[in-house]
Each structure stands twice: as C-alpha cells, then as structure tokens.
Amino acid sequence: MPPTAAIGPLTRTYYKWKALRLPWRKRFFIGYDLQGNTFWEFKLTSAETRFRRIVNYPRSTHYSQVQVSPLWHQWLRHMRAEPPSLEEQSGDVVRQQRMKHLAAEANARWAAKPRVMEDAATTSALGEGPLPPTNVEATMLDFEPDARARDAEKQQQRQRKKSAEVNDAWTKAKAQGPGENWQPTAWNPSAKQ
C-alpha cells in the first residue's frame, strides 16, 4: 500500500511546508517510506558541516516493529546523497517479493535432488538389503547388461566402507577415551633426590 493513499491532503501540505529550506528552520522534512516513517535532516549548530539525519515513526508503532528499508538506511548513514523516491521504494518491494519467490523455487528444486547421504535410507529399515528398483531404474537395468554387475559392485563398496568405519582408529580412540564420569587424579610429584 503506497503511503500517498494513506496520507491525507492536509498532511501532505504540512510535509511540503516542512520541506521548505527556510533560514529560521532547524529541521527539514525529507520524505517518507511505505511503512509511514518520516525522515528529517537537521543541524544542531551552524558550525556543523553536514546535516544529521533521523527517522520518526508513527506513534502507534511499537519500538520492536519499526522497520526501515535498506534504501532509507543508506540515506540515514550518508551512503547515498539523494533520498529514495516512492517509485524506487515500491520497486524494491517488488524485487524483494521476486527474490523470495525465486528462493522458494530454488529450495524446492534443491529438496527434489537426491542426497548422497540418503544411500542409507535406500536400504530397508529391517536391514534386508536394498529396496527394489523403481520403474526408471528397472528400465535402465534392462537396457544395460553390465548394470546389475555395477549395482552389486556398489553394494560391495558400501559394505567395505562400513567395515572400514568399524576398524577406524579414531572411532576406537573415541570409544576408549575418558567418559563423562572421568575425574582427574591428584598430582603427587616425587621428592627431589
């Protein structure tokens, strides 16, 4: 919802009046964002070289719910000289929605890909061996005469890998190391001779 629809004509006139750079004014209105926050510039003393920039949010907004867009953050931190226009702000909102949509699509594509760690999930829960092949796998096995031999070889490699993990020195050391009940012993140095 653009704030121009929410801001009445009297308020717009007030903002135009406050935006005028009159010499007796210390504070100048710069603009507002899509959440209803207003942005101002001011100088505390005439000796200051650049204006300070602040944001005022509506009184009905709780402190934890104040949201300032990245475009206005850049302006507040003097990273951009000109404040963002309403068209630029609405374009940024559209860009953010598009990025969320693309990220959701990428997550769905990523979730659909097979995982390397799911090899253990392809074996049945009872340990009776691999699950029967799907229709695609069955047709691939029919077309390739070596496929069954390769499948058996992969199964043997998995078995060798599991047995290697059992004989791994690190797992043995971890099993033999001090447990949670281990307590240090007192230090008793021998007497010097």
Protein backbone atom coordinates (compact mmCIF):
# COMPACT_ATOMS: atom_id res chain seq x y z
CA MET A 1 0.00 0.00 0.00
CA PRO A 2 1.59 3.28 -1.01
CA PRO A 3 1.60 5.90 1.73
CA THR A 4 0.22 8.56 -0.61
CA ALA A 5 -3.18 6.88 -0.32
CA ALA A 6 -2.90 6.74 3.50
CA ILE A 7 -1.62 10.32 3.87
CA GLY A 8 -4.34 12.94 3.61
CA PRO A 9 -4.13 16.23 1.72
CA LEU A 10 -3.62 18.27 4.92
CA THR A 11 -0.71 16.10 5.99
CA ARG A 12 0.84 16.33 2.51
CA THR A 13 0.55 20.11 2.65
CA TYR A 14 2.14 20.12 6.10
CA TYR A 15 5.06 17.99 4.80
CA LYS A 16 5.54 20.33 1.82
CA TRP A 17 5.68 23.28 4.22
CA LYS A 18 8.19 21.49 6.48
CA ALA A 19 10.34 20.57 3.46
CA LEU A 20 10.96 24.23 2.57
CA ARG A 21 14.51 25.27 3.46
CA LEU A 22 13.63 28.49 5.26
CA PRO A 23 16.54 30.21 7.07
CA TRP A 24 14.96 30.19 10.54
CA ARG A 25 14.19 26.46 10.42
CA LYS A 26 16.49 23.99 12.11
CA ARG A 27 14.78 20.83 10.91
CA PHE A 28 13.69 19.91 7.36
CA PHE A 29 11.34 17.20 6.13
CA ILE A 30 12.94 14.94 3.50
CA GLY A 31 10.47 12.16 2.76
CA TYR A 32 8.55 9.12 3.96
CA ASP A 33 8.61 5.42 3.29
CA LEU A 34 5.96 2.80 2.61
CA GLN A 35 5.58 1.98 6.34
CA GLY A 36 4.68 5.57 7.27
CA ASN A 37 8.06 6.56 8.75
CA THR A 38 9.17 10.14 8.10
CA PHE A 39 12.77 11.19 7.52
CA TRP A 40 14.26 14.53 8.56
CA GLU A 41 17.54 16.47 8.36
CA PHE A 42 18.76 19.00 10.94
CA LYS A 43 21.82 20.80 12.26
CA LEU A 44 22.34 21.33 15.98
CA THR A 45 24.73 24.22 15.44
CA SER A 46 25.58 26.36 12.47
CA ALA A 47 29.22 25.22 12.75
CA GLU A 48 28.35 21.66 11.69
CA THR A 49 29.49 20.81 8.18
CA ARG A 50 26.81 18.27 7.28
CA PHE A 51 23.22 17.63 8.27
CA ARG A 52 22.25 14.96 10.74
CA ARG A 53 19.59 12.56 9.57
CA ILE A 54 16.87 10.91 11.64
CA VAL A 55 13.72 8.85 11.23
CA ASN A 56 10.43 9.47 13.02
CA TYR A 57 7.97 6.59 13.07
CA PRO A 58 4.22 6.73 13.82
CA ARG A 59 3.28 6.81 17.49
CA SER A 60 1.10 3.72 17.07
CA THR A 61 4.16 1.67 16.07
CA HIS A 62 5.89 -0.25 18.86
CA TYR A 63 9.68 0.07 19.11
CA SER A 64 10.21 -3.57 18.09
CA GLN A 65 8.01 -3.18 15.00
CA VAL A 66 9.84 -0.23 13.44
CA GLN A 67 11.12 -1.25 10.02
CA VAL A 68 13.37 0.95 7.90
CA SER A 69 14.06 -0.18 4.35
CA PRO A 70 17.66 -0.64 3.14
CA LEU A 71 17.28 2.33 0.79
CA TRP A 72 16.45 4.66 3.67
CA HIS A 73 19.18 3.09 5.81
CA GLN A 74 21.67 4.07 3.13
CA TRP A 75 20.36 7.63 3.18
CA LEU A 76 20.44 7.78 7.00
CA ARG A 77 24.09 6.63 7.05
CA HIS A 78 25.10 9.17 4.37
CA MET A 79 25.85 6.37 1.91
CA ARG A 80 23.57 7.97 -0.66
CA ALA A 81 23.12 11.68 -1.20
CA GLU A 82 19.54 11.71 -2.51
CA PRO A 83 16.64 10.13 -0.63
CA PRO A 84 14.87 7.26 -2.40
CA SER A 85 11.70 8.07 -4.32
CA LEU A 86 8.40 6.27 -3.77
CA GLU A 87 8.76 4.51 -7.15
CA GLU A 88 12.20 3.26 -6.14
CA GLN A 89 10.84 2.02 -2.81
CA SER A 90 7.90 0.19 -4.41
CA GLY A 91 10.29 -1.30 -6.99
CA ASP A 92 12.46 -2.55 -4.15
CA VAL A 93 9.43 -4.22 -2.53
CA VAL A 94 8.62 -5.95 -5.83
CA ARG A 95 12.27 -7.04 -6.12
CA GLN A 96 12.19 -8.50 -2.61
CA GLN A 97 8.98 -10.43 -3.38
CA ARG A 98 10.52 -11.75 -6.60
CA MET A 99 13.65 -12.83 -4.74
CA LYS A 100 11.55 -14.66 -2.11
CA HIS A 101 9.66 -16.45 -4.89
CA LEU A 102 12.90 -17.42 -6.66
CA ALA A 103 14.42 -18.58 -3.37
CA ALA A 104 11.35 -20.76 -2.69
CA GLU A 105 11.66 -22.29 -6.18
CA ALA A 106 15.38 -22.92 -5.63
CA ASN A 107 14.65 -24.57 -2.27
CA ALA A 108 12.04 -26.80 -3.92
CA ARG A 109 14.50 -27.80 -6.66
CA TRP A 110 17.18 -28.46 -4.06
CA ALA A 111 14.83 -30.57 -1.96
CA ALA A 112 13.91 -32.65 -5.04
CA LYS A 113 17.54 -33.60 -5.76
CA PRO A 114 18.77 -36.93 -4.39
CA ARG A 115 21.17 -36.69 -1.49
CA VAL A 116 24.47 -38.51 -1.11
CA MET A 117 23.67 -39.31 2.50
CA GLU A 118 20.38 -40.97 1.54
CA ASP A 119 22.16 -44.17 0.46
CA ALA A 120 21.48 -45.48 3.94
CA ALA A 121 17.82 -44.53 3.52
CA THR A 122 17.55 -46.62 0.34
CA THR A 123 18.22 -49.78 2.31
CA SER A 124 15.19 -51.13 4.06
CA ALA A 125 14.64 -50.45 7.73
CA LEU A 126 14.86 -54.16 8.56
CA GLY A 127 18.33 -54.49 7.10
CA GLU A 128 17.20 -56.99 4.46
CA GLY A 129 19.15 -55.30 1.68
CA PRO A 130 18.39 -52.58 -0.84
CA LEU A 131 14.88 -51.57 -1.79
CA PRO A 132 13.51 -52.88 -5.10
CA PRO A 133 14.33 -50.61 -8.06
CA THR A 134 11.81 -48.07 -9.29
CA ASN A 135 10.37 -48.22 -12.80
CA VAL A 136 13.09 -45.92 -14.15
CA GLU A 137 15.82 -47.99 -12.51
CA ALA A 138 14.25 -51.23 -13.80
CA THR A 139 14.20 -49.98 -17.38
CA MET A 140 17.79 -48.81 -17.05
CA LEU A 141 18.76 -52.26 -15.80
CA ASP A 142 17.05 -53.87 -18.81
CA PHE A 143 18.95 -51.70 -21.29
CA GLU A 144 22.37 -52.11 -19.72
CA PRO A 145 23.73 -55.65 -19.38
CA ASP A 146 26.51 -54.51 -17.02
CA ALA A 147 24.13 -52.59 -14.75
CA ARG A 148 23.45 -55.49 -12.40
CA ALA A 149 27.17 -56.17 -12.03
CA ARG A 150 27.83 -52.49 -11.33
CA ASP A 151 24.99 -52.42 -8.80
CA ALA A 152 26.45 -55.43 -7.00
CA GLU A 153 29.91 -53.80 -7.05
CA LYS A 154 28.49 -50.61 -5.50
CA GLN A 155 26.83 -52.69 -2.79
CA GLN A 156 30.17 -54.38 -2.03
CA GLN A 157 31.89 -50.98 -1.86
CA ARG A 158 29.30 -49.80 0.68
CA GLN A 159 29.91 -52.91 2.77
CA ARG A 160 33.70 -52.35 2.65
CA LYS A 161 33.21 -48.72 3.65
CA LYS A 162 31.09 -49.73 6.64
CA SER A 163 33.65 -52.30 7.77
CA ALA A 164 36.43 -49.70 7.38
CA GLU A 165 34.47 -47.33 9.60
CA VAL A 166 34.27 -50.04 12.27
CA ASN A 167 38.06 -50.56 12.14
CA ASP A 168 38.76 -46.82 12.13
CA ALA A 169 41.37 -45.75 14.71
CA TRP A 170 39.51 -42.54 15.55
CA THR A 171 36.32 -44.34 16.48
CA LYS A 172 38.32 -46.78 18.61
CA ALA A 173 40.12 -43.93 20.36
CA LYS A 174 36.85 -42.17 20.94
CA ALA A 175 35.38 -45.31 22.49
CA GLN A 176 38.44 -45.84 24.75
CA GLY A 177 38.76 -42.21 25.82
CA PRO A 178 37.60 -40.83 29.13
CA GLY A 179 33.86 -40.76 29.50
CA GLU A 180 31.61 -38.29 31.20
CA ASN A 181 32.33 -39.84 34.60
CA TRP A 182 36.10 -39.27 34.33
CA GLN A 183 37.65 -37.25 37.16
CA PRO A 184 41.24 -36.01 37.30
CA THR A 185 43.53 -37.52 39.91
CA ALA A 186 45.53 -35.51 42.37
CA TRP A 187 49.06 -34.52 41.35
CA ASN A 188 51.64 -36.21 43.54
CA PRO A 189 55.15 -35.22 42.45
CA SER A 190 58.03 -37.35 43.65
CA ALA A 191 60.56 -35.84 46.04
CA LYS A 192 63.73 -34.43 44.55
CA GLN A 193 66.79 -36.57 45.25
